[in-house]
Amino acid sequence: MSTLFYLIIYDLPDTKAANKRRTKLHKMLSGYGTWTQYSVFECFLTAVQFAKLRVQVENLIKPAEDSVRIYILDAGAVRKTMTYGSQQPRQQETIIL
């Protein structure tokens, strides 16, 4: 089963309602990949897993207030990733909550 590397970055406003969405989004994304920095996740996903993630993100956020960016990268981009003070992105077993 083929996987791609997804870099997911989110920014939600500092309101009580958005804080609840942020907590839910963080928990949901934790089931898909690795939390690497504040509001940043790295995920290795199959097409089916990514489709499920997209639906969950779309159902959770408020596009008028929230910002979520998903960068889809191939294996070449992963090999070319430069990191300082942390580990290179590496594929681990994905557990979806």
PDB file of N, CA and C in Angstrom:
ATOM      1  N   MET A   1       0.843  -1.179   0.000  1.00  0.00           N
ATOM      2  CA  MET A   1       0.000   0.000   0.000  1.00  0.00           C
ATOM      3  C   MET A   1       0.888   1.243   0.000  1.00  0.00           C
ATOM      4  N   SER A   2       0.711   2.095  -0.960  1.00  0.00           N
ATOM      5  CA  SER A   2       1.538   3.273  -1.141  1.00  0.00           C
ATOM      6  C   SER A   2       1.100   4.405  -0.208  1.00  0.00           C
ATOM      7  N   THR A   3       2.095   5.099   0.339  1.00  0.00           N
ATOM      8  CA  THR A   3       1.795   6.245   1.201  1.00  0.00           C
ATOM      9  C   THR A   3       2.502   7.488   0.669  1.00  0.00           C
ATOM     10  N   LEU A   4       1.952   8.633   0.996  1.00  0.00           N
ATOM     11  CA  LEU A   4       2.579   9.910   0.722  1.00  0.00           C
ATOM     12  C   LEU A   4       2.814  10.611   2.059  1.00  0.00           C
ATOM     13  N   PHE A   5       3.671  11.609   2.034  1.00  0.00           N
ATOM     14  CA  PHE A   5       4.007  12.373   3.228  1.00  0.00           C
ATOM     15  C   PHE A   5       3.195  13.662   3.210  1.00  0.00           C
ATOM     16  N   TYR A   6       2.479  13.915   4.288  1.00  0.00           N
ATOM     17  CA  TYR A   6       1.638  15.110   4.399  1.00  0.00           C
ATOM     18  C   TYR A   6       2.142  15.971   5.550  1.00  0.00           C
ATOM     19  N   LEU A   7       2.347  17.228   5.275  1.00  0.00           N
ATOM     20  CA  LEU A   7       2.702  18.191   6.302  1.00  0.00           C
ATOM     21  C   LEU A   7       1.449  19.022   6.557  1.00  0.00           C
ATOM     22  N   ILE A   8       0.943  18.960   7.783  1.00  0.00           N
ATOM     23  CA  ILE A   8      -0.315  19.632   8.121  1.00  0.00           C
ATOM     24  C   ILE A   8      -0.020  20.728   9.140  1.00  0.00           C
ATOM     25  N   ILE A   9      -0.410  21.941   8.786  1.00  0.00           N
ATOM     26  CA  ILE A   9      -0.154  23.113   9.622  1.00  0.00           C
ATOM     27  C   ILE A   9      -1.490  23.810   9.859  1.00  0.00           C
ATOM     28  N   TYR A  10      -1.740  24.160  11.104  1.00  0.00           N
ATOM     29  CA  TYR A  10      -3.021  24.814  11.384  1.00  0.00           C
ATOM     30  C   TYR A  10      -2.841  26.024  12.282  1.00  0.00           C
ATOM     31  N   ASP A  11      -3.786  26.953  12.153  1.00  0.00           N
ATOM     32  CA  ASP A  11      -3.806  28.159  12.963  1.00  0.00           C
ATOM     33  C   ASP A  11      -5.262  28.509  13.218  1.00  0.00           C
ATOM     34  N   LEU A  12      -5.642  28.535  14.478  1.00  0.00           N
ATOM     35  CA  LEU A  12      -7.006  28.871  14.853  1.00  0.00           C
ATOM     36  C   LEU A  12      -6.963  30.081  15.791  1.00  0.00           C
ATOM     37  N   PRO A  13      -7.990  30.921  15.765  1.00  0.00           N
ATOM     38  CA  PRO A  13      -7.972  32.123  16.609  1.00  0.00           C
ATOM     39  C   PRO A  13      -7.984  31.774  18.091  1.00  0.00           C
ATOM     40  N   ASP A  14      -7.661  32.754  18.903  1.00  0.00           N
ATOM     41  CA  ASP A  14      -7.608  32.552  20.346  1.00  0.00           C
ATOM     42  C   ASP A  14      -8.942  32.938  20.984  1.00  0.00           C
ATOM     43  N   THR A  15      -9.940  32.096  20.734  1.00  0.00           N
ATOM     44  CA  THR A  15     -11.255  32.275  21.360  1.00  0.00           C
ATOM     45  C   THR A  15     -11.617  30.975  22.052  1.00  0.00           C
ATOM     46  N   LYS A  16     -12.590  31.038  22.924  1.00  0.00           N
ATOM     47  CA  LYS A  16     -12.987  29.839  23.663  1.00  0.00           C
ATOM     48  C   LYS A  16     -13.464  28.737  22.716  1.00  0.00           C
ATOM     49  N   ALA A  17     -14.291  29.100  21.740  1.00  0.00           N
ATOM     50  CA  ALA A  17     -14.809  28.106  20.785  1.00  0.00           C
ATOM     51  C   ALA A  17     -13.679  27.540  19.923  1.00  0.00           C
ATOM     52  N   ALA A  18     -12.774  28.402  19.462  1.00  0.00           N
ATOM     53  CA  ALA A  18     -11.665  27.938  18.623  1.00  0.00           C
ATOM     54  C   ALA A  18     -10.695  27.078  19.427  1.00  0.00           C
ATOM     55  N   ASN A  19     -10.522  27.399  20.698  1.00  0.00           N
ATOM     56  CA  ASN A  19      -9.645  26.577  21.531  1.00  0.00           C
ATOM     57  C   ASN A  19     -10.179  25.152  21.638  1.00  0.00           C
ATOM     58  N   LYS A  20     -11.494  25.009  21.731  1.00  0.00           N
ATOM     59  CA  LYS A  20     -12.098  23.664  21.762  1.00  0.00           C
ATOM     60  C   LYS A  20     -11.865  22.950  20.438  1.00  0.00           C
ATOM     61  N   ARG A  21     -12.031  23.670  19.322  1.00  0.00           N
ATOM     62  CA  ARG A  21     -11.781  23.063  18.005  1.00  0.00           C
ATOM     63  C   ARG A  21     -10.312  22.678  17.868  1.00  0.00           C
ATOM     64  N   ARG A  22      -9.419  23.553  18.348  1.00  0.00           N
ATOM     65  CA  ARG A  22      -7.982  23.279  18.266  1.00  0.00           C
ATOM     66  C   ARG A  22      -7.638  21.997  19.029  1.00  0.00           C
ATOM     67  N   THR A  23      -8.185  21.838  20.215  1.00  0.00           N
ATOM     68  CA  THR A  23      -7.935  20.641  21.011  1.00  0.00           C
ATOM     69  C   THR A  23      -8.441  19.396  20.277  1.00  0.00           C
ATOM     70  N   LYS A  24      -9.627  19.466  19.694  1.00  0.00           N
ATOM     71  CA  LYS A  24     -10.178  18.333  18.938  1.00  0.00           C
ATOM     72  C   LYS A  24      -9.342  18.040  17.701  1.00  0.00           C
ATOM     73  N   LEU A  25      -8.910  19.095  17.000  1.00  0.00           N
ATOM     74  CA  LEU A  25      -8.091  18.923  15.805  1.00  0.00           C
ATOM     75  C   LEU A  25      -6.756  18.278  16.165  1.00  0.00           C
ATOM     76  N   HIS A  26      -6.123  18.772  17.217  1.00  0.00           N
ATOM     77  CA  HIS A  26      -4.838  18.210  17.656  1.00  0.00           C
ATOM     78  C   HIS A  26      -4.984  16.727  18.010  1.00  0.00           C
ATOM     79  N   LYS A  27      -6.015  16.405  18.754  1.00  0.00           N
ATOM     80  CA  LYS A  27      -6.238  15.005  19.154  1.00  0.00           C
ATOM     81  C   LYS A  27      -6.494  14.127  17.926  1.00  0.00           C
ATOM     82  N   MET A  28      -7.303  14.617  17.000  1.00  0.00           N
ATOM     83  CA  MET A  28      -7.595  13.853  15.785  1.00  0.00           C
ATOM     84  C   MET A  28      -6.329  13.638  14.973  1.00  0.00           C
ATOM     85  N   LEU A  29      -5.536  14.698  14.758  1.00  0.00           N
ATOM     86  CA  LEU A  29      -4.315  14.575  13.969  1.00  0.00           C
ATOM     87  C   LEU A  29      -3.282  13.671  14.641  1.00  0.00           C
ATOM     88  N   SER A  30      -3.297  13.612  15.958  1.00  0.00           N
ATOM     89  CA  SER A  30      -2.376  12.726  16.686  1.00  0.00           C
ATOM     90  C   SER A  30      -2.584  11.267  16.306  1.00  0.00           C
ATOM     91  N   GLY A  31      -3.783  10.930  15.868  1.00  0.00           N
ATOM     92  CA  GLY A  31      -4.068   9.569  15.428  1.00  0.00           C
ATOM     93  C   GLY A  31      -3.554   9.273  14.031  1.00  0.00           C
ATOM     94  N   TYR A  32      -3.140  10.296  13.317  1.00  0.00           N
ATOM     95  CA  TYR A  32      -2.674  10.126  11.945  1.00  0.00           C
ATOM     96  C   TYR A  32      -1.163  10.263  11.781  1.00  0.00           C
ATOM     97  N   GLY A  33      -0.521  11.007  12.668  1.00  0.00           N
ATOM     98  CA  GLY A  33       0.893  11.257  12.451  1.00  0.00           C
ATOM     99  C   GLY A  33       1.599  11.755  13.687  1.00  0.00           C
ATOM    100  N   THR A  34       2.738  12.412  13.450  1.00  0.00           N
ATOM    101  CA  THR A  34       3.617  12.855  14.524  1.00  0.00           C
ATOM    102  C   THR A  34       3.523  14.365  14.693  1.00  0.00           C
ATOM    103  N   TRP A  35       3.286  14.785  15.918  1.00  0.00           N
ATOM    104  CA  TRP A  35       3.271  16.203  16.256  1.00  0.00           C
ATOM    105  C   TRP A  35       4.720  16.640  16.366  1.00  0.00           C
ATOM    106  N   THR A  36       5.167  17.525  15.484  1.00  0.00           N
ATOM    107  CA  THR A  36       6.582  17.879  15.442  1.00  0.00           C
ATOM    108  C   THR A  36       6.867  19.263  16.008  1.00  0.00           C
ATOM    109  N   GLN A  37       5.951  20.182  15.844  1.00  0.00           N
ATOM    110  CA  GLN A  37       6.085  21.530  16.388  1.00  0.00           C
ATOM    111  C   GLN A  37       4.690  22.039  16.684  1.00  0.00           C
ATOM    112  N   TYR A  38       4.621  23.160  17.384  1.00  0.00           N
ATOM    113  CA  TYR A  38       3.322  23.723  17.712  1.00  0.00           C
ATOM    114  C   TYR A  38       2.495  23.892  16.440  1.00  0.00           C
ATOM    115  N   SER A  39       1.345  23.267  16.390  1.00  0.00           N
ATOM    116  CA  SER A  39       0.407  23.352  15.258  1.00  0.00           C
ATOM    117  C   SER A  39       0.944  22.754  13.963  1.00  0.00           C
ATOM    118  N   VAL A  40       1.881  21.809  14.057  1.00  0.00           N
ATOM    119  CA  VAL A  40       2.442  21.145  12.876  1.00  0.00           C
ATOM    120  C   VAL A  40       2.461  19.634  13.091  1.00  0.00           C
ATOM    121  N   PHE A  41       1.930  18.907  12.115  1.00  0.00           N
ATOM    122  CA  PHE A  41       1.967  17.450  12.138  1.00  0.00           C
ATOM    123  C   PHE A  41       2.597  16.931  10.850  1.00  0.00           C
ATOM    124  N   GLU A  42       3.341  15.837  10.968  1.00  0.00           N
ATOM    125  CA  GLU A  42       3.879  15.117   9.816  1.00  0.00           C
ATOM    126  C   GLU A  42       3.183  13.765   9.774  1.00  0.00           C
ATOM    127  N   CYS A  43       2.622  13.415   8.619  1.00  0.00           N
ATOM    128  CA  CYS A  43       1.846  12.182   8.500  1.00  0.00           C
ATOM    129  C   CYS A  43       2.230  11.424   7.230  1.00  0.00           C
ATOM    130  N   PHE A  44       2.397  10.128   7.347  1.00  0.00           N
ATOM    131  CA  PHE A  44       2.537   9.248   6.192  1.00  0.00           C
ATOM    132  C   PHE A  44       1.204   8.522   6.059  1.00  0.00           C
ATOM    133  N   LEU A  45       0.485   8.777   4.957  1.00  0.00           N
ATOM    134  CA  LEU A  45      -0.874   8.257   4.830  1.00  0.00           C
ATOM    135  C   LEU A  45      -1.107   7.628   3.468  1.00  0.00           C
ATOM    136  N   THR A  46      -1.981   6.635   3.463  1.00  0.00           N
ATOM    137  CA  THR A  46      -2.465   6.080   2.207  1.00  0.00           C
ATOM    138  C   THR A  46      -3.549   7.018   1.676  1.00  0.00           C
ATOM    139  N   ALA A  47      -3.976   6.792   0.453  1.00  0.00           N
ATOM    140  CA  ALA A  47      -5.035   7.618  -0.129  1.00  0.00           C
ATOM    141  C   ALA A  47      -6.319   7.510   0.686  1.00  0.00           C
ATOM    142  N   VAL A  48      -6.628   6.327   1.166  1.00  0.00           N
ATOM    143  CA  VAL A  48      -7.854   6.120   1.959  1.00  0.00           C
ATOM    144  C   VAL A  48      -7.748   6.862   3.290  1.00  0.00           C
ATOM    145  N   GLN A  49      -6.605   6.765   3.952  1.00  0.00           N
ATOM    146  CA  GLN A  49      -6.414   7.469   5.222  1.00  0.00           C
ATOM    147  C   GLN A  49      -6.509   8.978   5.020  1.00  0.00           C
ATOM    148  N   PHE A  50      -5.905   9.485   3.928  1.00  0.00           N
ATOM    149  CA  PHE A  50      -5.949  10.914   3.668  1.00  0.00           C
ATOM    150  C   PHE A  50      -7.378  11.376   3.394  1.00  0.00           C
ATOM    151  N   ALA A  51      -8.134  10.582   2.661  1.00  0.00           N
ATOM    152  CA  ALA A  51      -9.534  10.934   2.380  1.00  0.00           C
ATOM    153  C   ALA A  51     -10.322  11.037   3.689  1.00  0.00           C
ATOM    154  N   LYS A  52     -10.096  10.116   4.599  1.00  0.00           N
ATOM    155  CA  LYS A  52     -10.780  10.133   5.892  1.00  0.00           C
ATOM    156  C   LYS A  52     -10.362  11.364   6.692  1.00  0.00           C
ATOM    157  N   LEU A  53      -9.069  11.672   6.691  1.00  0.00           N
ATOM    158  CA  LEU A  53      -8.562  12.839   7.408  1.00  0.00           C
ATOM    159  C   LEU A  53      -9.199  14.121   6.865  1.00  0.00           C
ATOM    160  N   ARG A  54      -9.270  14.242   5.544  1.00  0.00           N
ATOM    161  CA  ARG A  54      -9.860  15.442   4.928  1.00  0.00           C
ATOM    162  C   ARG A  54     -11.289  15.662   5.381  1.00  0.00           C
ATOM    163  N   VAL A  55     -12.079  14.613   5.393  1.00  0.00           N
ATOM    164  CA  VAL A  55     -13.474  14.721   5.823  1.00  0.00           C
ATOM    165  C   VAL A  55     -13.539  15.181   7.279  1.00  0.00           C
ATOM    166  N   GLN A  56     -12.678  14.598   8.112  1.00  0.00           N
ATOM    167  CA  GLN A  56     -12.685  14.966   9.529  1.00  0.00           C
ATOM    168  C   GLN A  56     -12.281  16.431   9.719  1.00  0.00           C
ATOM    169  N   VAL A  57     -11.264  16.884   9.003  1.00  0.00           N
ATOM    170  CA  VAL A  57     -10.838  18.280   9.103  1.00  0.00           C
ATOM    171  C   VAL A  57     -11.964  19.202   8.632  1.00  0.00           C
ATOM    172  N   GLU A  58     -12.557  18.886   7.479  1.00  0.00           N
ATOM    173  CA  GLU A  58     -13.625  19.725   6.927  1.00  0.00           C
ATOM    174  C   GLU A  58     -14.830  19.807   7.853  1.00  0.00           C
ATOM    175  N   ASN A  59     -15.119  18.730   8.577  1.00  0.00           N
ATOM    176  CA  ASN A  59     -16.251  18.727   9.506  1.00  0.00           C
ATOM    177  C   ASN A  59     -15.936  19.435  10.816  1.00  0.00           C
ATOM    178  N   LEU A  60     -14.653  19.587  11.127  1.00  0.00           N
ATOM    179  CA  LEU A  60     -14.252  20.124  12.423  1.00  0.00           C
ATOM    180  C   LEU A  60     -14.013  21.633  12.408  1.00  0.00           C
ATOM    181  N   ILE A  61     -13.415  22.149  11.362  1.00  0.00           N
ATOM    182  CA  ILE A  61     -13.002  23.553  11.377  1.00  0.00           C
ATOM    183  C   ILE A  61     -14.099  24.479  10.849  1.00  0.00           C
ATOM    184  N   LYS A  62     -13.898  25.770  11.106  1.00  0.00           N
ATOM    185  CA  LYS A  62     -14.749  26.818  10.549  1.00  0.00           C
ATOM    186  C   LYS A  62     -13.881  27.606   9.572  1.00  0.00           C
ATOM    187  N   PRO A  63     -14.039  27.381   8.267  1.00  0.00           N
ATOM    188  CA  PRO A  63     -13.166  28.022   7.285  1.00  0.00           C
ATOM    189  C   PRO A  63     -13.128  29.549   7.354  1.00  0.00           C
ATOM    190  N   ALA A  64     -14.185  30.173   7.828  1.00  0.00           N
ATOM    191  CA  ALA A  64     -14.197  31.633   7.929  1.00  0.00           C
ATOM    192  C   ALA A  64     -13.264  32.131   9.039  1.00  0.00           C
ATOM    193  N   GLU A  65     -12.937  31.257   9.996  1.00  0.00           N
ATOM    194  CA  GLU A  65     -12.109  31.649  11.145  1.00  0.00           C
ATOM    195  C   GLU A  65     -10.781  30.906  11.207  1.00  0.00           C
ATOM    196  N   ASP A  66     -10.769  29.657  10.789  1.00  0.00           N
ATOM    197  CA  ASP A  66      -9.621  28.775  10.981  1.00  0.00           C
ATOM    198  C   ASP A  66      -8.825  28.620   9.691  1.00  0.00           C
ATOM    199  N   SER A  67      -7.564  28.280   9.845  1.00  0.00           N
ATOM    200  CA  SER A  67      -6.705  28.029   8.695  1.00  0.00           C
ATOM    201  C   SER A  67      -6.006  26.681   8.880  1.00  0.00           C
ATOM    202  N   VAL A  68      -6.161  25.798   7.904  1.00  0.00           N
ATOM    203  CA  VAL A  68      -5.452  24.515   7.890  1.00  0.00           C
ATOM    204  C   VAL A  68      -4.821  24.382   6.513  1.00  0.00           C
ATOM    205  N   ARG A  69      -3.528  24.109   6.488  1.00  0.00           N
ATOM    206  CA  ARG A  69      -2.804  23.885   5.229  1.00  0.00           C
ATOM    207  C   ARG A  69      -2.257  22.477   5.245  1.00  0.00           C
ATOM    208  N   ILE A  70      -2.450  21.786   4.131  1.00  0.00           N
ATOM    209  CA  ILE A  70      -1.934  20.427   3.991  1.00  0.00           C
ATOM    210  C   ILE A  70      -1.036  20.409   2.761  1.00  0.00           C
ATOM    211  N   TYR A  71       0.238  20.135   2.999  1.00  0.00           N
ATOM    212  CA  TYR A  71       1.213  20.036   1.908  1.00  0.00           C
ATOM    213  C   TYR A  71       1.444  18.558   1.630  1.00  0.00           C
ATOM    214  N   ILE A  72       1.289  18.169   0.375  1.00  0.00           N
ATOM    215  CA  ILE A  72       1.430  16.775  -0.030  1.00  0.00           C
ATOM    216  C   ILE A  72       2.794  16.625  -0.698  1.00  0.00           C
ATOM    217  N   LEU A  73       3.646  15.798  -0.104  1.00  0.00           N
ATOM    218  CA  LEU A  73       5.021  15.649  -0.556  1.00  0.00           C
ATOM    219  C   LEU A  73       5.308  14.197  -0.928  1.00  0.00           C
ATOM    220  N   ASP A  74       6.167  14.000  -1.905  1.00  0.00           N
ATOM    221  CA  ASP A  74       6.524  12.640  -2.299  1.00  0.00           C
ATOM    222  C   ASP A  74       7.769  12.169  -1.537  1.00  0.00           C
ATOM    223  N   ALA A  75       8.179  10.938  -1.786  1.00  0.00           N
ATOM    224  CA  ALA A  75       9.315  10.350  -1.069  1.00  0.00           C
ATOM    225  C   ALA A  75      10.589  11.162  -1.289  1.00  0.00           C
ATOM    226  N   GLY A  76      10.745  11.730  -2.474  1.00  0.00           N
ATOM    227  CA  GLY A  76      11.925  12.547  -2.758  1.00  0.00           C
ATOM    228  C   GLY A  76      12.004  13.758  -1.856  1.00  0.00           C
ATOM    229  N   ALA A  77      10.878  14.386  -1.608  1.00  0.00           N
ATOM    230  CA  ALA A  77      10.840  15.552  -0.730  1.00  0.00           C
ATOM    231  C   ALA A  77      11.196  15.163   0.701  1.00  0.00           C
ATOM    232  N   VAL A  78      10.750  13.991   1.124  1.00  0.00           N
ATOM    233  CA  VAL A  78      11.061  13.522   2.476  1.00  0.00           C
ATOM    234  C   VAL A  78      12.564  13.319   2.613  1.00  0.00           C
ATOM    235  N   ARG A  79      13.193  12.695   1.611  1.00  0.00           N
ATOM    236  CA  ARG A  79      14.644  12.462   1.663  1.00  0.00           C
ATOM    237  C   ARG A  79      15.426  13.765   1.670  1.00  0.00           C
ATOM    238  N   LYS A  80      14.882  14.800   1.051  1.00  0.00           N
ATOM    239  CA  LYS A  80      15.568  16.090   0.958  1.00  0.00           C
ATOM    240  C   LYS A  80      15.282  17.007   2.142  1.00  0.00           C
ATOM    241  N   THR A  81      14.456  16.562   3.070  1.00  0.00           N
ATOM    242  CA  THR A  81      14.103  17.380   4.226  1.00  0.00           C
ATOM    243  C   THR A  81      15.324  17.607   5.112  1.00  0.00           C
ATOM    244  N   MET A  82      15.532  18.842   5.488  1.00  0.00           N
ATOM    245  CA  MET A  82      16.629  19.185   6.381  1.00  0.00           C
ATOM    246  C   MET A  82      16.045  19.518   7.745  1.00  0.00           C
ATOM    247  N   THR A  83      16.587  18.916   8.787  1.00  0.00           N
ATOM    248  CA  THR A  83      16.111  19.199  10.141  1.00  0.00           C
ATOM    249  C   THR A  83      17.299  19.575  11.021  1.00  0.00           C
ATOM    250  N   TYR A  84      17.053  20.454  11.949  1.00  0.00           N
ATOM    251  CA  TYR A  84      18.048  20.858  12.928  1.00  0.00           C
ATOM    252  C   TYR A  84      17.415  20.740  14.302  1.00  0.00           C
ATOM    253  N   GLY A  85      18.033  19.995  15.176  1.00  0.00           N
ATOM    254  CA  GLY A  85      17.515  19.857  16.533  1.00  0.00           C
ATOM    255  C   GLY A  85      16.343  18.908  16.663  1.00  0.00           C
ATOM    256  N   SER A  86      16.053  18.137  15.622  1.00  0.00           N
ATOM    257  CA  SER A  86      14.981  17.140  15.698  1.00  0.00           C
ATOM    258  C   SER A  86      15.273  16.046  14.683  1.00  0.00           C
ATOM    259  N   GLN A  87      14.481  14.995  14.719  1.00  0.00           N
ATOM    260  CA  GLN A  87      14.692  13.859  13.832  1.00  0.00           C
ATOM    261  C   GLN A  87      14.110  14.117  12.457  1.00  0.00           C
ATOM    262  N   GLN A  88      14.712  13.485  11.457  1.00  0.00           N
ATOM    263  CA  GLN A  88      14.161  13.495  10.103  1.00  0.00           C
ATOM    264  C   GLN A  88      12.776  12.853  10.131  1.00  0.00           C
ATOM    265  N   PRO A  89      11.876  13.261   9.250  1.00  0.00           N
ATOM    266  CA  PRO A  89      10.577  12.582   9.160  1.00  0.00           C
ATOM    267  C   PRO A  89      10.808  11.117   8.800  1.00  0.00           C
ATOM    268  N   ARG A  90      10.155  10.229   9.501  1.00  0.00           N
ATOM    269  CA  ARG A  90      10.260   8.814   9.158  1.00  0.00           C
ATOM    270  C   ARG A  90       8.920   8.145   9.353  1.00  0.00           C
ATOM    271  N   GLN A  91       8.671   7.219   8.474  1.00  0.00           N
ATOM    272  CA  GLN A  91       7.379   6.542   8.491  1.00  0.00           C
ATOM    273  C   GLN A  91       7.312   5.563   9.645  1.00  0.00           C
ATOM    274  N   GLN A  92       6.242   5.644  10.385  1.00  0.00           N
ATOM    275  CA  GLN A  92       5.963   4.706  11.463  1.00  0.00           C
ATOM    276  C   GLN A  92       4.590   4.126  11.201  1.00  0.00           C
ATOM    277  N   GLU A  93       4.227   3.141  11.967  1.00  0.00           N
ATOM    278  CA  GLU A  93       2.893   2.552  11.833  1.00  0.00           C
ATOM    279  C   GLU A  93       1.857   3.606  12.200  1.00  0.00           C
ATOM    280  N   THR A  94       0.898   3.831  11.321  1.00  0.00           N
ATOM    281  CA  THR A  94      -0.151   4.820  11.560  1.00  0.00           C
ATOM    282  C   THR A  94      -1.290   4.183  12.353  1.00  0.00           C
ATOM    283  N   ILE A  95      -1.686   4.865  13.412  1.00  0.00           N
ATOM    284  CA  ILE A  95      -2.801   4.397  14.223  1.00  0.00           C
ATOM    285  C   ILE A  95      -3.867   5.480  14.158  1.00  0.00           C
ATOM    286  N   ILE A  96      -5.032   5.140  13.645  1.00  0.00           N
ATOM    287  CA  ILE A  96      -6.101   6.116  13.519  1.00  0.00           C
ATOM    288  C   ILE A  96      -7.091   5.916  14.670  1.00  0.00           C
ATOM    289  N   LEU A  97      -7.299   6.999  15.409  1.00  0.00           N
ATOM    290  CA  LEU A  97      -8.198   6.944  16.577  1.00  0.00           C
ATOM    291  C   LEU A  97      -9.635   7.117  16.171  1.00  0.00           C
TER     292      LEU A  97
END
